[in-house]
Structure formats: structure tokens, C-alpha cells
PDB file of all heavy atoms in Angstrom:
ATOM      1  N   TYR A   1      -0.785  -5.995   0.213  1.00  0.00           N
ATOM      2  CA  TYR A   1      -1.918  -6.462   0.819  1.00  0.00           C
ATOM      3  C   TYR A   1      -3.060  -5.471   0.647  1.00  0.00           C
ATOM      4  O   TYR A   1      -2.901  -4.235   0.866  1.00  0.00           O
ATOM      5  CB  TYR A   1      -1.724  -6.649   2.311  1.00  0.00           C
ATOM      6  CG  TYR A   1      -0.726  -7.726   2.638  1.00  0.00           C
ATOM      7  CD1 TYR A   1       0.644  -7.408   2.869  1.00  0.00           C
ATOM      8  CD2 TYR A   1      -1.087  -9.058   2.831  1.00  0.00           C
ATOM      9  CE1 TYR A   1       1.537  -8.378   3.178  1.00  0.00           C
ATOM     10  CE2 TYR A   1      -0.174  -9.999   3.164  1.00  0.00           C
ATOM     11  CZ  TYR A   1       1.126  -9.677   3.326  1.00  0.00           C
ATOM     12  OH  TYR A   1       2.031 -10.694   3.641  1.00  0.00           O
ATOM     13  N   CYS A   2      -4.220  -5.991   0.301  1.00  0.00           N
ATOM     14  CA  CYS A   2      -5.452  -5.225   0.190  1.00  0.00           C
ATOM     15  C   CYS A   2      -6.053  -5.040   1.619  1.00  0.00           C
ATOM     16  O   CYS A   2      -6.074  -6.061   2.371  1.00  0.00           O
ATOM     17  CB  CYS A   2      -6.438  -5.829  -0.736  1.00  0.00           C
ATOM     18  SG  CYS A   2      -8.003  -4.974  -0.886  1.00  0.00           S
ATOM     19  N   ASN A   3      -6.513  -3.858   1.938  1.00  0.00           N
ATOM     20  CA  ASN A   3      -7.161  -3.601   3.255  1.00  0.00           C
ATOM     21  C   ASN A   3      -8.478  -2.884   3.013  1.00  0.00           C
ATOM     22  O   ASN A   3      -8.573  -1.977   2.208  1.00  0.00           O
ATOM     23  CB  ASN A   3      -6.242  -2.758   4.078  1.00  0.00           C
ATOM     24  CG  ASN A   3      -6.917  -2.300   5.395  1.00  0.00           C
ATOM     25  OD1 ASN A   3      -7.227  -1.096   5.573  1.00  0.00           O
ATOM     26  ND2 ASN A   3      -7.147  -3.256   6.307  1.00  0.00           N
ATOM     27  N   VAL A   4      -9.489  -3.379   3.646  1.00  0.00           N
ATOM     28  CA  VAL A   4     -10.820  -2.821   3.543  1.00  0.00           C
ATOM     29  C   VAL A   4     -11.408  -2.547   4.952  1.00  0.00           C
ATOM     30  O   VAL A   4     -11.427  -3.527   5.797  1.00  0.00           O
ATOM     31  CB  VAL A   4     -11.781  -3.667   2.732  1.00  0.00           C
ATOM     32  CG1 VAL A   4     -13.201  -3.044   2.725  1.00  0.00           C
ATOM     33  CG2 VAL A   4     -11.300  -3.914   1.340  1.00  0.00           C
ATOM     34  N   LYS A   5     -11.838  -1.389   5.216  1.00  0.00           N
ATOM     35  CA  LYS A   5     -12.466  -1.049   6.520  1.00  0.00           C
ATOM     36  C   LYS A   5     -13.937  -1.025   6.218  1.00  0.00           C
ATOM     37  O   LYS A   5     -14.408  -0.268   5.365  1.00  0.00           O
ATOM     38  CB  LYS A   5     -11.923   0.333   7.024  1.00  0.00           C
ATOM     39  CG  LYS A   5     -10.493   0.246   7.415  1.00  0.00           C
ATOM     40  CD  LYS A   5      -9.983   1.573   7.835  1.00  0.00           C
ATOM     41  CE  LYS A   5      -8.599   1.438   8.467  1.00  0.00           C
ATOM     42  NZ  LYS A   5      -7.606   0.805   7.546  1.00  0.00           N
ATOM     43  N   LEU A   6     -14.691  -1.794   6.961  1.00  0.00           N
ATOM     44  CA  LEU A   6     -16.110  -2.007   6.616  1.00  0.00           C
ATOM     45  C   LEU A   6     -16.947  -2.232   7.782  1.00  0.00           C
ATOM     46  O   LEU A   6     -16.534  -2.473   8.943  1.00  0.00           O
ATOM     47  CB  LEU A   6     -16.251  -3.110   5.562  1.00  0.00           C
ATOM     48  CG  LEU A   6     -15.605  -4.473   5.873  1.00  0.00           C
ATOM     49  CD1 LEU A   6     -16.363  -5.272   6.897  1.00  0.00           C
ATOM     50  CD2 LEU A   6     -15.385  -5.275   4.578  1.00  0.00           C
ATOM     51  N   LEU A   7     -18.265  -2.248   7.531  1.00  0.00           N
ATOM     52  CA  LEU A   7     -19.263  -2.638   8.566  1.00  0.00           C
ATOM     53  C   LEU A   7     -19.892  -3.938   8.033  1.00  0.00           C
ATOM     54  O   LEU A   7     -20.383  -3.957   6.927  1.00  0.00           O
ATOM     55  CB  LEU A   7     -20.379  -1.590   8.785  1.00  0.00           C
ATOM     56  CG  LEU A   7     -19.904  -0.202   9.174  1.00  0.00           C
ATOM     57  CD1 LEU A   7     -21.058   0.720   9.271  1.00  0.00           C
ATOM     58  CD2 LEU A   7     -19.176  -0.304  10.499  1.00  0.00           C
ATOM     59  N   LEU A   8     -19.826  -5.014   8.848  1.00  0.00           N
ATOM     60  CA  LEU A   8     -20.374  -6.305   8.439  1.00  0.00           C
ATOM     61  C   LEU A   8     -21.892  -6.196   8.456  1.00  0.00           C
ATOM     62  O   LEU A   8     -22.585  -6.865   7.688  1.00  0.00           O
ATOM     63  CB  LEU A   8     -19.884  -7.355   9.422  1.00  0.00           C
ATOM     64  CG  LEU A   8     -18.409  -7.725   9.337  1.00  0.00           C
ATOM     65  CD1 LEU A   8     -18.021  -8.734  10.371  1.00  0.00           C
ATOM     66  CD2 LEU A   8     -18.033  -8.218   7.942  1.00  0.00           C
ATOM     67  N   SER A   9     -22.405  -5.367   9.342  1.00  0.00           N
ATOM     68  CA  SER A   9     -23.892  -5.143   9.414  1.00  0.00           C
ATOM     69  C   SER A   9     -24.117  -3.749   9.962  1.00  0.00           C
ATOM     70  O   SER A   9     -23.196  -3.048  10.333  1.00  0.00           O
ATOM     71  CB  SER A   9     -24.532  -6.188  10.340  1.00  0.00           C
ATOM     72  OG  SER A   9     -24.246  -6.013  11.695  1.00  0.00           O
ATOM     73  N   ILE A  10     -25.310  -3.386  10.063  1.00  0.00           N
ATOM     74  CA  ILE A  10     -25.633  -2.049  10.563  1.00  0.00           C
ATOM     75  C   ILE A  10     -25.331  -1.925  12.058  1.00  0.00           C
ATOM     76  O   ILE A  10     -25.175  -0.784  12.570  1.00  0.00           O
ATOM     77  CB  ILE A  10     -27.156  -1.761  10.344  1.00  0.00           C
ATOM     78  CG1 ILE A  10     -27.463  -0.268  10.577  1.00  0.00           C
ATOM     79  CG2 ILE A  10     -28.014  -2.591  11.235  1.00  0.00           C
ATOM     80  CD1 ILE A  10     -28.871   0.149  10.128  1.00  0.00           C
ATOM     81  N   TRP A  11     -25.134  -3.061  12.688  1.00  0.00           N
ATOM     82  CA  TRP A  11     -24.787  -3.047  14.184  1.00  0.00           C
ATOM     83  C   TRP A  11     -23.262  -3.160  14.420  1.00  0.00           C
ATOM     84  O   TRP A  11     -22.878  -3.124  15.553  1.00  0.00           O
ATOM     85  CB  TRP A  11     -25.509  -4.227  14.857  1.00  0.00           C
ATOM     86  CG  TRP A  11     -26.964  -4.160  14.719  1.00  0.00           C
ATOM     87  CD1 TRP A  11     -27.881  -3.369  15.423  1.00  0.00           C
ATOM     88  CD2 TRP A  11     -27.758  -4.936  13.791  1.00  0.00           C
ATOM     89  NE1 TRP A  11     -29.142  -3.640  15.002  1.00  0.00           N
ATOM     90  CE2 TRP A  11     -29.124  -4.565  13.969  1.00  0.00           C
ATOM     91  CE3 TRP A  11     -27.486  -5.931  12.840  1.00  0.00           C
ATOM     92  CZ2 TRP A  11     -30.140  -5.154  13.250  1.00  0.00           C
ATOM     93  CZ3 TRP A  11     -28.484  -6.483  12.084  1.00  0.00           C
ATOM     94  CH2 TRP A  11     -29.792  -6.056  12.356  1.00  0.00           C
ATOM     95  N   ASP A  12     -22.512  -3.335  13.379  1.00  0.00           N
ATOM     96  CA  ASP A  12     -21.112  -3.494  13.504  1.00  0.00           C
ATOM     97  C   ASP A  12     -20.393  -2.107  13.793  1.00  0.00           C
ATOM     98  O   ASP A  12     -20.716  -1.151  13.194  1.00  0.00           O
ATOM     99  CB  ASP A  12     -20.487  -4.068  12.248  1.00  0.00           C
ATOM    100  CG  ASP A  12     -19.042  -4.518  12.356  1.00  0.00           C
ATOM    101  OD1 ASP A  12     -18.524  -4.535  13.478  1.00  0.00           O
ATOM    102  OD2 ASP A  12     -18.444  -4.714  11.324  1.00  0.00           O
ATOM    103  N   TYR A  13     -19.452  -2.124  14.747  1.00  0.00           N
ATOM    104  CA  TYR A  13     -18.652  -0.961  15.035  1.00  0.00           C
ATOM    105  C   TYR A  13     -17.610  -0.661  13.999  1.00  0.00           C
ATOM    106  O   TYR A  13     -17.145   0.479  13.850  1.00  0.00           O
ATOM    107  CB  TYR A  13     -18.041  -1.040  16.406  1.00  0.00           C
ATOM    108  CG  TYR A  13     -19.046  -0.705  17.593  1.00  0.00           C
ATOM    109  CD1 TYR A  13     -19.539  -1.716  18.348  1.00  0.00           C
ATOM    110  CD2 TYR A  13     -19.376   0.605  17.836  1.00  0.00           C
ATOM    111  CE1 TYR A  13     -20.440  -1.400  19.403  1.00  0.00           C
ATOM    112  CE2 TYR A  13     -20.294   0.855  18.855  1.00  0.00           C
ATOM    113  CZ  TYR A  13     -20.804  -0.116  19.659  1.00  0.00           C
ATOM    114  OH  TYR A  13     -21.648   0.180  20.655  1.00  0.00           O
ATOM    115  N   GLY A  14     -17.190  -1.692  13.315  1.00  0.00           N
ATOM    116  CA  GLY A  14     -16.165  -1.587  12.293  1.00  0.00           C
ATOM    117  C   GLY A  14     -15.248  -2.790  12.279  1.00  0.00           C
ATOM    118  O   GLY A  14     -14.854  -3.355  13.301  1.00  0.00           O
ATOM    119  N   THR A  15     -14.956  -3.250  11.106  1.00  0.00           N
ATOM    120  CA  THR A  15     -14.088  -4.444  10.847  1.00  0.00           C
ATOM    121  C   THR A  15     -13.008  -4.069   9.904  1.00  0.00           C
ATOM    122  O   THR A  15     -13.212  -3.342   8.890  1.00  0.00           O
ATOM    123  CB  THR A  15     -14.968  -5.604  10.309  1.00  0.00           C
ATOM    124  OG1 THR A  15     -15.938  -5.997  11.296  1.00  0.00           O
ATOM    125  CG2 THR A  15     -14.079  -6.794  10.026  1.00  0.00           C
ATOM    126  N   ASP A  16     -11.815  -4.562  10.172  1.00  0.00           N
ATOM    127  CA  ASP A  16     -10.651  -4.383   9.316  1.00  0.00           C
ATOM    128  C   ASP A  16     -10.366  -5.712   8.674  1.00  0.00           C
ATOM    129  O   ASP A  16      -9.954  -6.678   9.308  1.00  0.00           O
ATOM    130  CB  ASP A  16      -9.495  -3.907  10.168  1.00  0.00           C
ATOM    131  CG  ASP A  16      -8.567  -3.006   9.465  1.00  0.00           C
ATOM    132  OD1 ASP A  16      -8.998  -2.377   8.458  1.00  0.00           O
ATOM    133  OD2 ASP A  16      -7.435  -2.824   9.923  1.00  0.00           O
ATOM    134  N   ALA A  17     -10.503  -5.789   7.308  1.00  0.00           N
ATOM    135  CA  ALA A  17     -10.360  -7.016   6.591  1.00  0.00           C
ATOM    136  C   ALA A  17      -9.039  -6.905   5.752  1.00  0.00           C
ATOM    137  O   ALA A  17      -8.696  -5.880   5.231  1.00  0.00           O
ATOM    138  CB  ALA A  17     -11.496  -7.309   5.672  1.00  0.00           C
ATOM    139  N   TRP A  18      -8.318  -8.066   5.630  1.00  0.00           N
ATOM    140  CA  TRP A  18      -7.116  -8.110   4.899  1.00  0.00           C
ATOM    141  C   TRP A  18      -7.057  -9.288   3.916  1.00  0.00           C
ATOM    142  O   TRP A  18      -7.636 -10.330   4.187  1.00  0.00           O
ATOM    143  CB  TRP A  18      -5.970  -8.301   5.838  1.00  0.00           C
ATOM    144  CG  TRP A  18      -5.645  -7.138   6.734  1.00  0.00           C
ATOM    145  CD1 TRP A  18      -6.120  -6.963   7.954  1.00  0.00           C
ATOM    146  CD2 TRP A  18      -4.781  -6.076   6.458  1.00  0.00           C
ATOM    147  NE1 TRP A  18      -5.676  -5.805   8.531  1.00  0.00           N
ATOM    148  CE2 TRP A  18      -4.802  -5.197   7.579  1.00  0.00           C
ATOM    149  CE3 TRP A  18      -3.950  -5.739   5.394  1.00  0.00           C
ATOM    150  CZ2 TRP A  18      -4.080  -4.029   7.629  1.00  0.00           C
ATOM    151  CZ3 TRP A  18      -3.219  -4.619   5.437  1.00  0.00           C
ATOM    152  CH2 TRP A  18      -3.280  -3.753   6.585  1.00  0.00           C
ATOM    153  N   GLY A  19      -6.527  -9.005   2.740  1.00  0.00           N
ATOM    154  CA  GLY A  19      -6.336 -10.155   1.805  1.00  0.00           C
ATOM    155  C   GLY A  19      -5.029 -10.854   2.149  1.00  0.00           C
ATOM    156  O   GLY A  19      -4.312 -10.502   3.113  1.00  0.00           O
ATOM    157  N   ASN A  20      -4.780 -11.924   1.395  1.00  0.00           N
ATOM    158  CA  ASN A  20      -3.611 -12.749   1.618  1.00  0.00           C
ATOM    159  C   ASN A  20      -2.334 -12.194   0.940  1.00  0.00           C
ATOM    160  O   ASN A  20      -1.238 -12.696   1.204  1.00  0.00           O
ATOM    161  CB  ASN A  20      -3.857 -14.147   1.141  1.00  0.00           C
ATOM    162  CG  ASN A  20      -4.895 -14.921   2.019  1.00  0.00           C
ATOM    163  OD1 ASN A  20      -4.820 -14.752   3.268  1.00  0.00           O
ATOM    164  ND2 ASN A  20      -5.630 -15.710   1.404  1.00  0.00           N
ATOM    165  N   GLY A  21      -2.525 -11.207   0.162  1.00  0.00           N
ATOM    166  CA  GLY A  21      -1.338 -10.512  -0.453  1.00  0.00           C
ATOM    167  C   GLY A  21      -1.032 -11.082  -1.872  1.00  0.00           C
ATOM    168  O   GLY A  21      -1.365 -12.173  -2.237  1.00  0.00           O
ATOM    169  N   THR A  22      -0.340 -10.207  -2.629  1.00  0.00           N
ATOM    170  CA  THR A  22       0.120 -10.590  -3.934  1.00  0.00           C
ATOM    171  C   THR A  22       1.590 -10.069  -4.098  1.00  0.00           C
ATOM    172  O   THR A  22       1.823  -8.876  -3.678  1.00  0.00           O
ATOM    173  CB  THR A  22      -0.798  -9.964  -5.045  1.00  0.00           C
ATOM    174  OG1 THR A  22      -0.353 -10.430  -6.326  1.00  0.00           O
ATOM    175  CG2 THR A  22      -0.840  -8.464  -5.046  1.00  0.00           C
ATOM    176  N   LEU A  23       2.460 -10.889  -4.568  1.00  0.00           N
ATOM    177  CA  LEU A  23       3.801 -10.546  -4.556  1.00  0.00           C
ATOM    178  C   LEU A  23       4.240  -9.678  -5.806  1.00  0.00           C
ATOM    179  O   LEU A  23       3.900 -10.064  -6.921  1.00  0.00           O
ATOM    180  CB  LEU A  23       4.737 -11.774  -4.521  1.00  0.00           C
ATOM    181  CG  LEU A  23       6.212 -11.599  -4.633  1.00  0.00           C
ATOM    182  CD1 LEU A  23       6.724 -10.794  -3.453  1.00  0.00           C
ATOM    183  CD2 LEU A  23       6.925 -12.954  -4.741  1.00  0.00           C
ATOM    184  N   VAL A  24       4.889  -8.570  -5.516  1.00  0.00           N
ATOM    185  CA  VAL A  24       5.426  -7.697  -6.562  1.00  0.00           C
ATOM    186  C   VAL A  24       6.936  -7.800  -6.527  1.00  0.00           C
ATOM    187  O   VAL A  24       7.564  -7.459  -5.469  1.00  0.00           O
ATOM    188  CB  VAL A  24       4.926  -6.314  -6.561  1.00  0.00           C
ATOM    189  CG1 VAL A  24       5.637  -5.373  -7.474  1.00  0.00           C
ATOM    190  CG2 VAL A  24       3.409  -6.247  -6.721  1.00  0.00           C
ATOM    191  N   THR A  25       7.550  -8.184  -7.578  1.00  0.00           N
ATOM    192  CA  THR A  25       9.019  -8.248  -7.607  1.00  0.00           C
ATOM    193  C   THR A  25       9.567  -7.353  -8.740  1.00  0.00           C
ATOM    194  O   THR A  25       9.155  -7.559  -9.901  1.00  0.00           O
ATOM    195  CB  THR A  25       9.564  -9.653  -7.884  1.00  0.00           C
ATOM    196  OG1 THR A  25       9.073 -10.489  -6.815  1.00  0.00           O
ATOM    197  CG2 THR A  25      11.092  -9.689  -7.790  1.00  0.00           C
TER     198      THR A  25
END
């Protein structure tokens, strides 16, 4: 899973975004 910690705007305290994942076998 990809994870990105970001600010949605200058007023955002912080957002944690996640992807849906990619399978590695």
C-alpha cells in the first residue's frame, strides 16, 4: 500500500491518504 502524508490545504492539520494496494507474489 502506498501512503502519503499531506496537507489538503494551507488550513489542514494533516491528512493520511492510502491507495488500494498492489499485490506482490
